[in-house]
Amino acid sequence: IFITDDPDASVDIPTLPGQRRWGVNRLEGFLGPLVQKGLSSVILFGVPLSCVKDERGTPADDPEGPVIQGVRKIRSLFPELYVAC
């Protein structure tokens, strides 16, 4: 799942047909039906748009960053789902 720091995002990725960037507020609607069908794991790819990036990837584990927020949200909604990042 491509997850961005815009919490309400649901944006097509033009270079990856059929893929979207999701905000944390949209994860329940996106994942709910998939979990009901048997989805057991996801991997998160962070797409931070509003942070200062550096060569060390410092924002990657920012508690307010999209991946950490996404992990928290998914764990609260779907505790049985395995989350990788």
Foldseek 3Di string as FASTA:
>chain_A
DEEELPQQDWADDVVDPPDTYHHLVCCCVVCVVVVVVPAAEDEYDYDYDPDDQDPVRVCPPPCSGGVNSNVVSCCVNPVRHHYHD
